N, C-alpha and C. Protein backbone atom coordinates (compact mmCIF):
# COMPACT_ATOMS: atom_id res chain seq x y z
N MET A 1 0.90 -1.19 0.00
CA MET A 1 0.01 0.01 0.13
C MET A 1 0.91 1.22 0.02
N THR A 2 0.70 2.24 -0.93
CA THR A 2 1.45 3.34 -1.03
C THR A 2 1.07 4.29 0.01
N LEU A 3 2.00 5.36 0.21
CA LEU A 3 1.73 6.29 1.26
C LEU A 3 0.53 7.21 0.79
N ALA A 4 0.41 7.38 -0.47
CA ALA A 4 -0.76 8.25 -0.95
C ALA A 4 -2.05 7.45 -0.70
N ALA A 5 -2.11 6.18 -0.87
CA ALA A 5 -3.22 5.36 -0.64
C ALA A 5 -3.62 5.45 0.89
N PHE A 6 -2.58 5.41 1.69
CA PHE A 6 -2.86 5.40 3.17
C PHE A 6 -3.50 6.68 3.59
N PHE A 7 -2.99 7.78 3.08
CA PHE A 7 -3.46 9.10 3.39
C PHE A 7 -4.91 9.31 2.81
N ALA A 8 -5.22 8.71 1.65
CA ALA A 8 -6.54 8.81 1.05
C ALA A 8 -7.43 8.20 2.03
N ALA A 9 -7.14 6.88 2.54
CA ALA A 9 -8.02 6.16 3.47
C ALA A 9 -8.08 6.96 4.72
N TRP A 10 -7.06 7.56 5.27
CA TRP A 10 -7.13 8.45 6.40
C TRP A 10 -8.04 9.61 6.16
N ALA A 11 -7.99 10.24 5.03
CA ALA A 11 -8.83 11.44 4.85
C ALA A 11 -10.29 11.01 4.69
N LEU A 12 -10.50 9.83 4.06
CA LEU A 12 -11.96 9.42 3.89
C LEU A 12 -12.60 9.20 5.32
N SER A 13 -11.76 8.56 6.07
CA SER A 13 -12.11 8.22 7.44
C SER A 13 -12.39 9.57 8.30
N LEU A 14 -11.60 10.52 8.18
CA LEU A 14 -11.74 11.79 8.82
C LEU A 14 -13.05 12.44 8.46
N MET A 15 -13.35 12.41 7.09
CA MET A 15 -14.44 13.13 6.57
C MET A 15 -15.68 12.43 7.10
N ALA A 16 -15.68 11.09 7.16
CA ALA A 16 -16.83 10.29 7.67
C ALA A 16 -16.99 10.61 9.26
N ALA A 17 -15.90 10.71 9.96
CA ALA A 17 -15.95 11.01 11.37
C ALA A 17 -16.57 12.38 11.65
N ALA A 18 -16.22 13.38 10.80
CA ALA A 18 -16.69 14.75 11.00
C ALA A 18 -18.10 15.09 10.55
N SER A 19 -18.69 14.07 9.70
CA SER A 19 -20.02 14.34 9.16
C SER A 19 -21.05 14.17 10.38
N PRO A 20 -22.07 15.02 10.31
CA PRO A 20 -23.17 14.82 11.28
C PRO A 20 -23.93 13.44 11.20
N GLY A 21 -24.18 12.93 12.38
CA GLY A 21 -24.91 11.77 12.52
C GLY A 21 -25.19 11.43 13.89
N PRO A 22 -25.64 10.31 14.31
CA PRO A 22 -26.08 9.95 15.61
C PRO A 22 -24.88 10.09 16.64
N ALA A 23 -23.74 9.74 16.31
CA ALA A 23 -22.57 9.83 17.20
C ALA A 23 -22.25 11.29 17.58
N VAL A 24 -22.21 12.13 16.51
CA VAL A 24 -21.91 13.52 16.79
C VAL A 24 -23.11 14.23 17.66
N LEU A 25 -24.29 13.88 17.37
CA LEU A 25 -25.47 14.45 17.98
C LEU A 25 -25.39 13.99 19.46
N MET A 26 -25.07 12.66 19.77
CA MET A 26 -24.98 12.20 21.14
C MET A 26 -23.83 12.81 21.84
N THR A 27 -22.69 13.15 21.23
CA THR A 27 -21.64 13.78 21.87
C THR A 27 -21.99 15.10 22.25
N ALA A 28 -22.61 15.85 21.34
CA ALA A 28 -22.91 17.29 21.61
C ALA A 28 -23.86 17.30 22.85
N ARG A 29 -24.82 16.48 22.95
CA ARG A 29 -25.77 16.37 23.97
C ARG A 29 -25.03 16.07 25.30
N VAL A 30 -24.18 15.13 25.39
CA VAL A 30 -23.46 14.65 26.64
C VAL A 30 -22.52 15.69 26.93
N GLY A 31 -21.87 16.34 26.02
CA GLY A 31 -20.96 17.42 26.33
C GLY A 31 -21.61 18.53 27.09
N VAL A 32 -22.88 18.94 26.54
CA VAL A 32 -23.46 20.11 27.14
C VAL A 32 -24.15 19.73 28.48
N THR A 33 -24.65 18.47 28.72
CA THR A 33 -25.33 18.13 29.89
C THR A 33 -24.33 17.55 30.94
N GLU A 34 -23.30 16.82 30.55
CA GLU A 34 -22.48 16.08 31.58
C GLU A 34 -21.10 16.55 31.54
N GLY A 35 -20.56 17.38 30.52
CA GLY A 35 -19.24 17.86 30.66
C GLY A 35 -18.36 17.18 29.82
N LEU A 36 -17.07 17.70 29.69
CA LEU A 36 -15.98 17.24 28.88
C LEU A 36 -15.61 15.88 29.33
N ARG A 37 -15.30 15.65 30.65
CA ARG A 37 -14.82 14.37 30.96
C ARG A 37 -15.76 13.24 30.43
N THR A 38 -17.07 13.27 30.69
CA THR A 38 -17.96 12.14 30.20
C THR A 38 -17.94 12.23 28.66
N GLY A 39 -17.83 13.36 28.06
CA GLY A 39 -17.80 13.41 26.61
C GLY A 39 -16.72 12.80 26.01
N ILE A 40 -15.42 12.77 26.71
CA ILE A 40 -14.20 12.14 26.17
C ILE A 40 -14.35 10.70 26.21
N TRP A 41 -14.97 10.08 27.38
CA TRP A 41 -15.15 8.73 27.44
C TRP A 41 -16.15 8.18 26.33
N LEU A 42 -17.19 8.94 26.19
CA LEU A 42 -18.21 8.64 25.10
C LEU A 42 -17.44 8.68 23.80
N ALA A 43 -16.63 9.61 23.39
CA ALA A 43 -15.78 9.74 22.17
C ALA A 43 -15.00 8.46 21.96
N VAL A 44 -14.38 8.01 23.12
CA VAL A 44 -13.45 6.81 23.00
C VAL A 44 -14.31 5.61 22.64
N GLY A 45 -15.57 5.51 23.26
CA GLY A 45 -16.43 4.49 22.88
C GLY A 45 -16.81 4.58 21.44
N ILE A 46 -17.09 5.69 20.89
CA ILE A 46 -17.39 5.83 19.50
C ILE A 46 -16.33 5.41 18.59
N GLY A 47 -15.14 5.81 18.99
CA GLY A 47 -13.94 5.34 18.17
C GLY A 47 -13.81 3.89 18.23
N ILE A 48 -13.94 3.29 19.35
CA ILE A 48 -13.93 1.68 19.36
C ILE A 48 -15.03 1.14 18.40
N GLY A 49 -16.22 1.71 18.48
CA GLY A 49 -17.19 1.30 17.54
C GLY A 49 -16.92 1.31 16.10
N ALA A 50 -16.24 2.47 15.70
CA ALA A 50 -15.79 2.68 14.41
C ALA A 50 -14.74 1.64 13.98
N VAL A 51 -13.84 1.36 14.95
CA VAL A 51 -12.79 0.37 14.64
C VAL A 51 -13.44 -1.04 14.40
N PHE A 52 -14.47 -1.27 15.18
CA PHE A 52 -15.18 -2.51 15.01
C PHE A 52 -15.69 -2.66 13.49
N TRP A 53 -16.34 -1.63 13.06
CA TRP A 53 -17.01 -1.64 11.67
C TRP A 53 -15.95 -1.62 10.66
N ALA A 54 -14.83 -0.91 10.84
CA ALA A 54 -13.67 -0.99 9.92
C ALA A 54 -13.05 -2.34 9.85
N THR A 55 -12.82 -2.95 10.97
CA THR A 55 -12.24 -4.28 10.99
C THR A 55 -13.11 -5.16 10.30
N ALA A 56 -14.37 -5.16 10.69
CA ALA A 56 -15.32 -6.11 9.95
C ALA A 56 -15.33 -5.96 8.48
N ALA A 57 -15.23 -4.73 8.02
CA ALA A 57 -15.26 -4.45 6.46
C ALA A 57 -14.02 -5.02 5.93
N LEU A 58 -12.90 -4.86 6.58
CA LEU A 58 -11.49 -5.20 6.09
C LEU A 58 -11.47 -6.69 6.03
N PHE A 59 -12.22 -7.50 6.89
CA PHE A 59 -12.15 -8.87 6.91
C PHE A 59 -13.47 -9.57 6.37
N GLY A 60 -14.20 -8.86 5.67
CA GLY A 60 -15.27 -9.56 4.85
C GLY A 60 -16.68 -9.30 5.19
N LEU A 61 -17.08 -8.35 6.09
CA LEU A 61 -18.38 -8.05 6.44
C LEU A 61 -19.17 -7.65 5.22
N SER A 62 -18.56 -6.90 4.34
CA SER A 62 -19.37 -6.35 3.10
C SER A 62 -19.78 -7.51 2.31
N LEU A 63 -18.88 -8.62 2.23
CA LEU A 63 -19.21 -9.67 1.38
C LEU A 63 -20.41 -10.42 2.03
N LEU A 64 -20.44 -10.47 3.32
CA LEU A 64 -21.55 -11.23 4.08
C LEU A 64 -22.80 -10.41 3.78
N PHE A 65 -22.81 -9.10 3.86
CA PHE A 65 -24.01 -8.30 3.60
C PHE A 65 -24.56 -8.55 2.22
N ARG A 66 -23.61 -8.58 1.27
CA ARG A 66 -24.03 -8.85 -0.19
C ARG A 66 -24.64 -10.27 -0.28
N ALA A 67 -24.17 -11.21 0.41
CA ALA A 67 -24.58 -12.58 0.30
C ALA A 67 -25.85 -12.72 1.17
N ALA A 68 -26.11 -12.04 2.13
CA ALA A 68 -27.23 -12.07 2.98
C ALA A 68 -27.79 -10.68 3.27
N PRO A 69 -28.50 -10.20 2.30
CA PRO A 69 -28.98 -8.74 2.46
C PRO A 69 -29.96 -8.65 3.65
N ALA A 70 -30.55 -9.66 4.09
CA ALA A 70 -31.57 -9.61 5.17
C ALA A 70 -30.80 -9.22 6.43
N LEU A 71 -29.52 -9.68 6.60
CA LEU A 71 -28.74 -9.39 7.83
C LEU A 71 -28.50 -7.85 7.93
N LEU A 72 -28.22 -7.20 6.75
CA LEU A 72 -28.00 -5.65 6.89
C LEU A 72 -29.37 -5.00 7.22
N TRP A 73 -30.40 -5.52 6.57
CA TRP A 73 -31.71 -4.87 6.95
C TRP A 73 -32.03 -5.03 8.46
N THR A 74 -31.77 -6.31 9.04
CA THR A 74 -32.01 -6.48 10.38
C THR A 74 -31.23 -5.53 11.22
N LEU A 75 -29.96 -5.42 10.95
CA LEU A 75 -29.08 -4.56 11.64
C LEU A 75 -29.55 -3.08 11.61
N LYS A 76 -30.00 -2.62 10.45
CA LYS A 76 -30.48 -1.21 10.23
C LYS A 76 -31.82 -1.08 11.06
N ILE A 77 -32.68 -1.89 11.08
CA ILE A 77 -33.96 -1.79 11.77
C ILE A 77 -33.68 -1.83 13.19
N LEU A 78 -32.84 -2.74 13.84
CA LEU A 78 -32.60 -2.82 15.28
C LEU A 78 -31.77 -1.48 15.62
N GLY A 79 -30.94 -1.10 14.82
CA GLY A 79 -30.18 0.13 15.04
C GLY A 79 -31.02 1.29 15.23
N GLY A 80 -31.91 1.44 14.20
CA GLY A 80 -32.84 2.62 14.15
C GLY A 80 -33.73 2.56 15.23
N LEU A 81 -34.26 1.40 15.67
CA LEU A 81 -35.08 1.35 16.90
C LEU A 81 -34.46 1.74 18.22
N TYR A 82 -33.21 1.34 18.32
CA TYR A 82 -32.45 1.79 19.41
C TYR A 82 -32.31 3.27 19.50
N LEU A 83 -31.98 3.95 18.48
CA LEU A 83 -31.88 5.35 18.38
C LEU A 83 -33.26 6.14 18.73
N VAL A 84 -34.27 5.53 18.17
CA VAL A 84 -35.63 6.13 18.52
C VAL A 84 -35.97 5.92 19.91
N TRP A 85 -35.56 4.88 20.47
CA TRP A 85 -35.77 4.59 21.91
C TRP A 85 -35.07 5.64 22.85
N ILE A 86 -33.82 5.90 22.43
CA ILE A 86 -33.11 7.00 23.09
C ILE A 86 -33.80 8.30 22.93
N ALA A 87 -34.19 8.53 21.70
CA ALA A 87 -34.88 9.84 21.45
C ALA A 87 -36.20 10.08 22.29
N ILE A 88 -36.90 9.01 22.47
CA ILE A 88 -38.21 9.06 23.15
C ILE A 88 -37.82 9.38 24.73
N GLY A 89 -36.69 8.77 25.17
CA GLY A 89 -36.40 8.99 26.60
C GLY A 89 -35.88 10.61 26.74
N LEU A 90 -35.23 11.00 25.66
CA LEU A 90 -34.92 12.43 25.77
C LEU A 90 -36.10 13.38 25.79
N TRP A 91 -37.12 13.02 25.05
CA TRP A 91 -38.31 13.83 24.92
C TRP A 91 -39.19 13.71 26.30
N ARG A 92 -39.22 12.49 26.84
CA ARG A 92 -39.98 12.30 27.96
C ARG A 92 -39.35 13.07 29.15
N HIS A 93 -38.03 13.22 29.24
CA HIS A 93 -37.41 13.79 30.38
C HIS A 93 -37.00 15.20 30.14
N ALA A 94 -37.43 15.83 29.08
CA ALA A 94 -37.00 17.19 28.65
C ALA A 94 -37.38 18.20 29.78
N ASP A 95 -38.52 17.88 30.42
CA ASP A 95 -39.03 18.96 31.47
C ASP A 95 -38.31 18.75 32.83
N ALA A 96 -37.47 17.75 33.03
CA ALA A 96 -36.81 17.50 34.26
C ALA A 96 -35.88 18.57 34.65
N PRO A 97 -35.99 19.29 35.76
CA PRO A 97 -35.21 20.48 36.09
C PRO A 97 -33.70 20.28 36.24
N MET A 98 -32.92 21.31 35.96
CA MET A 98 -31.56 21.38 36.18
C MET A 98 -31.22 22.71 36.67
N VAL A 99 -30.26 22.89 37.57
CA VAL A 99 -29.91 24.19 38.08
C VAL A 99 -28.44 24.35 37.73
N GLU A 100 -28.00 25.66 37.83
CA GLU A 100 -26.63 26.05 37.63
C GLU A 100 -25.68 25.18 38.46
N GLY A 101 -24.62 24.64 37.93
CA GLY A 101 -23.77 23.83 38.67
C GLY A 101 -23.95 22.25 38.61
N ASP A 102 -25.23 21.89 38.26
CA ASP A 102 -25.47 20.54 37.99
C ASP A 102 -24.82 20.05 36.68
N THR A 103 -24.65 18.63 36.66
CA THR A 103 -24.14 18.17 35.43
C THR A 103 -25.29 17.26 34.68
N THR A 104 -25.80 16.36 35.53
CA THR A 104 -26.93 15.62 35.09
C THR A 104 -27.68 15.01 36.16
N ALA A 105 -28.98 14.70 35.96
CA ALA A 105 -29.83 14.14 37.13
C ALA A 105 -29.26 12.77 37.48
N THR A 106 -28.77 12.03 36.54
CA THR A 106 -28.22 10.75 36.86
C THR A 106 -26.75 10.68 36.33
N PRO A 107 -25.82 10.96 37.29
CA PRO A 107 -24.44 10.98 36.78
C PRO A 107 -24.02 9.70 36.11
N ARG A 108 -23.23 9.72 35.05
CA ARG A 108 -22.86 8.63 34.26
C ARG A 108 -21.43 8.40 34.50
N SER A 109 -21.10 7.10 34.71
CA SER A 109 -19.70 6.75 34.96
C SER A 109 -18.86 6.67 33.71
N ALA A 110 -17.59 6.61 33.84
CA ALA A 110 -16.73 6.51 32.63
C ALA A 110 -17.14 5.31 31.80
N LEU A 111 -17.29 4.18 32.56
CA LEU A 111 -17.66 2.93 31.86
C LEU A 111 -19.01 2.99 31.09
N SER A 112 -20.02 3.61 31.86
CA SER A 112 -21.27 3.90 31.25
C SER A 112 -21.23 4.67 29.89
N ALA A 113 -20.34 5.98 30.00
CA ALA A 113 -20.35 6.68 28.86
C ALA A 113 -19.54 5.95 27.71
N LEU A 114 -18.55 5.12 28.00
CA LEU A 114 -17.86 4.25 27.02
C LEU A 114 -18.83 3.25 26.38
N ARG A 115 -19.70 2.75 27.15
CA ARG A 115 -20.64 1.72 26.68
C ARG A 115 -21.70 2.46 25.73
N LEU A 116 -22.10 3.65 26.01
CA LEU A 116 -23.08 4.46 25.36
C LEU A 116 -22.39 4.76 23.91
N GLY A 117 -21.22 5.15 24.00
CA GLY A 117 -20.51 5.52 22.83
C GLY A 117 -20.40 4.27 21.83
N ILE A 118 -20.07 3.21 22.43
CA ILE A 118 -19.88 1.96 21.53
C ILE A 118 -21.26 1.51 20.98
N SER A 119 -22.24 1.55 21.84
CA SER A 119 -23.60 1.16 21.33
C SER A 119 -24.22 2.20 20.32
N THR A 120 -23.99 3.54 20.55
CA THR A 120 -24.43 4.45 19.69
C THR A 120 -23.79 4.15 18.15
N GLN A 121 -22.61 3.91 18.23
CA GLN A 121 -21.83 3.72 16.96
C GLN A 121 -22.28 2.45 16.29
N LEU A 122 -22.43 1.25 17.16
CA LEU A 122 -22.90 0.07 16.56
C LEU A 122 -24.35 -0.02 16.13
N ALA A 123 -25.13 0.91 16.71
CA ALA A 123 -26.51 1.03 16.32
C ALA A 123 -26.71 1.68 14.96
N ASN A 124 -25.67 2.30 14.48
CA ASN A 124 -25.73 2.94 13.17
C ASN A 124 -24.93 2.08 12.18
N PRO A 125 -25.64 1.27 11.34
CA PRO A 125 -24.87 0.39 10.41
C PRO A 125 -24.30 1.19 9.16
N LYS A 126 -24.65 2.51 9.05
CA LYS A 126 -24.13 3.24 7.99
C LYS A 126 -22.60 3.19 7.86
N PRO A 127 -21.89 3.25 9.11
CA PRO A 127 -20.40 3.15 8.97
C PRO A 127 -19.97 1.78 8.33
N ALA A 128 -20.80 0.75 8.57
CA ALA A 128 -20.42 -0.63 7.99
C ALA A 128 -20.47 -0.43 6.43
N VAL A 129 -21.43 0.27 5.94
CA VAL A 129 -21.59 0.48 4.50
C VAL A 129 -20.47 1.35 3.98
N PHE A 130 -20.19 2.41 4.78
CA PHE A 130 -19.06 3.31 4.37
C PHE A 130 -17.65 2.59 4.23
N PHE A 131 -17.41 1.84 5.36
CA PHE A 131 -16.09 1.15 5.36
C PHE A 131 -16.02 0.07 4.31
N GLY A 132 -17.25 -0.61 4.11
CA GLY A 132 -17.16 -1.71 3.11
C GLY A 132 -17.21 -1.24 1.71
N ALA A 133 -17.80 -0.08 1.38
CA ALA A 133 -17.99 0.30 0.07
C ALA A 133 -16.98 1.37 -0.45
N VAL A 134 -16.55 2.28 0.52
CA VAL A 134 -15.72 3.37 0.14
C VAL A 134 -14.29 3.07 0.74
N PHE A 135 -14.15 3.06 2.13
CA PHE A 135 -12.92 2.86 2.74
C PHE A 135 -12.12 1.64 2.21
N LEU A 136 -12.77 0.53 2.08
CA LEU A 136 -12.16 -0.56 1.62
C LEU A 136 -11.62 -0.54 0.26
N GLY A 137 -12.07 0.35 -0.56
CA GLY A 137 -11.63 0.55 -1.96
C GLY A 137 -10.17 1.11 -1.95
N THR A 138 -9.84 1.71 -0.90
CA THR A 138 -8.47 2.32 -0.90
C THR A 138 -7.47 1.41 -0.32
N VAL A 139 -7.89 0.31 0.12
CA VAL A 139 -6.95 -0.69 0.77
C VAL A 139 -6.74 -1.85 -0.22
N PRO A 140 -5.60 -1.97 -0.77
CA PRO A 140 -5.37 -3.01 -1.86
C PRO A 140 -5.29 -4.40 -1.18
N SER A 141 -5.57 -5.45 -1.86
CA SER A 141 -5.39 -6.84 -1.39
C SER A 141 -3.94 -7.07 -1.11
N GLY A 142 -3.55 -7.79 -0.12
CA GLY A 142 -2.23 -8.14 0.18
C GLY A 142 -1.60 -7.04 1.06
N THR A 143 -2.42 -5.99 1.55
CA THR A 143 -1.73 -5.02 2.42
C THR A 143 -1.32 -5.66 3.72
N PRO A 144 0.01 -5.41 4.17
CA PRO A 144 0.52 -6.10 5.38
C PRO A 144 -0.35 -5.80 6.52
N LEU A 145 -0.33 -6.72 7.58
CA LEU A 145 -1.23 -6.54 8.72
C LEU A 145 -0.71 -5.34 9.56
N TRP A 146 0.51 -4.92 9.54
CA TRP A 146 0.96 -3.72 10.41
C TRP A 146 0.41 -2.47 9.66
N VAL A 147 0.19 -2.55 8.42
CA VAL A 147 -0.34 -1.28 7.72
C VAL A 147 -1.90 -1.27 8.11
N ILE A 148 -2.54 -2.38 8.04
CA ILE A 148 -3.98 -2.36 8.47
C ILE A 148 -4.12 -1.96 9.86
N GLY A 149 -3.25 -2.39 10.70
CA GLY A 149 -3.32 -1.94 12.14
C GLY A 149 -3.11 -0.39 12.18
N ALA A 150 -2.23 0.17 11.39
CA ALA A 150 -2.06 1.51 11.44
C ALA A 150 -3.27 2.27 10.96
N LEU A 151 -3.96 1.72 9.89
CA LEU A 151 -5.18 2.32 9.38
C LEU A 151 -6.29 2.21 10.57
N LEU A 152 -6.41 1.26 11.31
CA LEU A 152 -7.43 1.07 12.32
C LEU A 152 -7.11 2.09 13.48
N VAL A 153 -5.79 2.31 13.70
CA VAL A 153 -5.46 3.34 14.73
C VAL A 153 -5.84 4.71 14.29
N ALA A 154 -5.63 4.95 12.95
CA ALA A 154 -6.09 6.24 12.32
C ALA A 154 -7.65 6.41 12.40
N VAL A 155 -8.31 5.38 12.11
CA VAL A 155 -9.89 5.37 12.24
C VAL A 155 -10.15 5.82 13.64
N PHE A 156 -9.64 5.05 14.65
CA PHE A 156 -9.97 5.36 15.99
C PHE A 156 -9.65 6.82 16.37
N LEU A 157 -8.44 7.32 15.98
CA LEU A 157 -8.07 8.70 16.33
C LEU A 157 -8.93 9.67 15.68
N ASN A 158 -9.45 9.47 14.48
CA ASN A 158 -10.32 10.41 13.66
C ASN A 158 -11.63 10.49 14.43
N GLU A 159 -12.20 9.31 14.62
CA GLU A 159 -13.53 9.30 15.42
C GLU A 159 -13.49 9.79 16.77
N ALA A 160 -12.48 9.35 17.54
CA ALA A 160 -12.47 9.83 18.94
C ALA A 160 -12.13 11.35 18.93
N GLY A 161 -11.10 11.81 18.14
CA GLY A 161 -10.63 13.15 18.16
C GLY A 161 -11.82 14.07 17.74
N CYS A 162 -12.53 13.82 16.59
CA CYS A 162 -13.53 14.69 16.18
C CYS A 162 -14.64 14.83 17.26
N ASN A 163 -15.03 13.73 17.81
CA ASN A 163 -16.09 13.75 18.93
C ASN A 163 -15.61 14.46 20.20
N ILE A 164 -14.32 14.27 20.57
CA ILE A 164 -13.82 15.08 21.69
C ILE A 164 -13.92 16.63 21.34
N LEU A 165 -13.60 16.90 20.14
CA LEU A 165 -13.78 18.42 19.76
C LEU A 165 -15.18 18.86 20.01
N VAL A 166 -16.11 18.09 19.53
CA VAL A 166 -17.54 18.43 19.72
C VAL A 166 -17.81 18.50 21.15
N ALA A 167 -17.46 17.51 22.00
CA ALA A 167 -17.85 17.53 23.37
C ALA A 167 -17.12 18.82 23.97
N ARG A 168 -15.91 19.12 23.64
CA ARG A 168 -15.26 20.31 24.21
C ARG A 168 -16.05 21.59 23.82
N LEU A 169 -16.49 21.70 22.64
CA LEU A 169 -17.31 22.92 22.11
C LEU A 169 -18.48 23.01 22.96
N PHE A 170 -19.25 21.90 23.10
CA PHE A 170 -20.53 22.01 23.79
C PHE A 170 -20.48 21.94 25.32
N SER A 171 -19.30 21.71 25.80
CA SER A 171 -19.14 21.82 27.33
C SER A 171 -18.63 23.15 27.84
N LEU A 172 -18.39 23.99 26.87
CA LEU A 172 -17.99 25.41 27.26
C LEU A 172 -19.10 26.06 28.12
N PRO A 173 -18.58 26.93 29.05
CA PRO A 173 -19.64 27.57 29.92
C PRO A 173 -20.76 28.23 29.18
N ALA A 174 -20.46 28.91 28.03
CA ALA A 174 -21.53 29.62 27.40
C ALA A 174 -22.62 28.64 26.96
N ALA A 175 -22.17 27.48 26.41
CA ALA A 175 -23.07 26.54 25.86
C ALA A 175 -23.92 25.90 27.03
N ARG A 176 -23.26 25.65 28.13
CA ARG A 176 -23.96 25.10 29.26
C ARG A 176 -24.99 26.06 29.79
N ARG A 177 -24.68 27.31 29.80
CA ARG A 177 -25.69 28.30 30.31
C ARG A 177 -26.78 28.37 29.44
N ALA A 178 -26.56 28.31 28.18
CA ALA A 178 -27.71 28.38 27.25
C ALA A 178 -28.51 27.19 27.38
N TYR A 179 -27.96 26.06 27.61
CA TYR A 179 -28.73 24.88 27.80
C TYR A 179 -29.65 24.83 28.99
N LEU A 180 -29.04 25.49 30.11
CA LEU A 180 -29.74 25.70 31.30
C LEU A 180 -31.01 26.50 30.99
N ARG A 181 -30.88 27.54 30.27
CA ARG A 181 -31.98 28.40 29.92
C ARG A 181 -33.11 27.74 29.04
N LEU A 182 -32.65 26.90 28.18
CA LEU A 182 -33.51 26.35 27.08
C LEU A 182 -33.57 24.85 27.18
N LYS A 183 -33.42 24.24 28.33
CA LYS A 183 -33.36 22.72 28.40
C LYS A 183 -34.44 21.95 27.79
N SER A 184 -35.56 22.33 28.04
CA SER A 184 -36.82 21.59 27.50
C SER A 184 -36.74 21.61 25.99
N ARG A 185 -36.55 22.88 25.44
CA ARG A 185 -36.51 22.95 24.03
C ARG A 185 -35.33 22.21 23.34
N ILE A 186 -34.17 22.28 24.00
CA ILE A 186 -33.01 21.74 23.33
C ILE A 186 -33.11 20.23 23.56
N ASP A 187 -33.49 19.59 24.54
CA ASP A 187 -33.67 18.20 24.63
C ASP A 187 -34.69 17.62 23.67
N ARG A 188 -35.73 18.42 23.48
CA ARG A 188 -36.73 17.96 22.51
C ARG A 188 -36.34 17.98 21.19
N THR A 189 -35.44 18.97 20.81
CA THR A 189 -34.82 19.09 19.58
C THR A 189 -33.85 17.99 19.40
N PHE A 190 -32.93 17.72 20.37
CA PHE A 190 -32.06 16.59 20.31
C PHE A 190 -32.89 15.24 20.06
N GLY A 191 -33.92 15.14 20.80
CA GLY A 191 -34.70 13.93 20.66
C GLY A 191 -35.33 13.76 19.22
N VAL A 192 -35.92 14.86 18.82
CA VAL A 192 -36.52 14.76 17.38
C VAL A 192 -35.46 14.47 16.36
N MET A 193 -34.26 15.07 16.34
CA MET A 193 -33.22 14.92 15.40
C MET A 193 -32.70 13.35 15.53
N LEU A 194 -32.48 12.95 16.76
CA LEU A 194 -32.07 11.59 16.85
C LEU A 194 -33.02 10.57 16.49
N GLY A 195 -34.44 10.88 16.75
CA GLY A 195 -35.36 9.89 16.31
C GLY A 195 -35.46 9.96 14.76
N LEU A 196 -35.40 11.13 14.17
CA LEU A 196 -35.45 11.13 12.65
C LEU A 196 -34.22 10.35 12.07
N LEU A 197 -33.05 10.51 12.67
CA LEU A 197 -31.94 9.77 12.23
C LEU A 197 -32.17 8.29 12.30
N GLY A 198 -32.82 7.91 13.42
CA GLY A 198 -33.10 6.43 13.65
C GLY A 198 -34.10 6.00 12.60
N ILE A 199 -35.06 6.66 12.28
CA ILE A 199 -35.99 6.32 11.28
C ILE A 199 -35.45 6.28 9.89
N LYS A 200 -34.52 7.16 9.61
CA LYS A 200 -33.94 7.21 8.25
C LYS A 200 -32.96 5.96 8.20
N ILE A 201 -32.22 5.66 9.23
CA ILE A 201 -31.34 4.52 9.20
C ILE A 201 -32.10 3.25 8.93
N ALA A 202 -33.32 3.10 9.65
CA ALA A 202 -34.01 1.86 9.44
C ALA A 202 -34.69 1.79 8.12
N ALA A 203 -35.07 2.97 7.52
CA ALA A 203 -35.86 3.04 6.33
C ALA A 203 -35.02 2.99 4.99
N THR A 204 -33.80 3.37 5.14
CA THR A 204 -33.01 3.53 3.87
C THR A 204 -31.93 2.57 3.74
């Protein structure tokens, strides 16, 4: 694999990580409600989920989806329903009060944030399609395992890094003060957007 091909794969992964989707939306919400520390652990979980999809694509998941299209449809429906379930929870608890200095009504541990990040990324099978159809096209057959390992590290750093940046931006004091003023509206907006993404994933 040439250096140019490696950087092409890295750039494609970075663009996918930076594009809006369930992971970025979840990171923004966690950043503004629970702060940077929790957002970092969430971002690490999202990075791990992306590495899972990239590894699966590199080792033949796209071939399995082509051989058994029902499997992809099942993953999309289950993933979409999971995101809709989270969205309903956001909507239902939108009116729960918060006061200045609070982080969240139910503090989330690092492990819980990590699990949420992984499950959010795995609930969205679109990365599997991206890595199988686009990313994989930049990785020639016979690529040494150490190069594949380096690509997977790049995927993790891209996903985790982009989402840590999102968490940082939304954890700033100005963003948190705005959230406290408009909590009900913001939570319902997050819920609607996440629900629509879930429906879109399941339906397309």
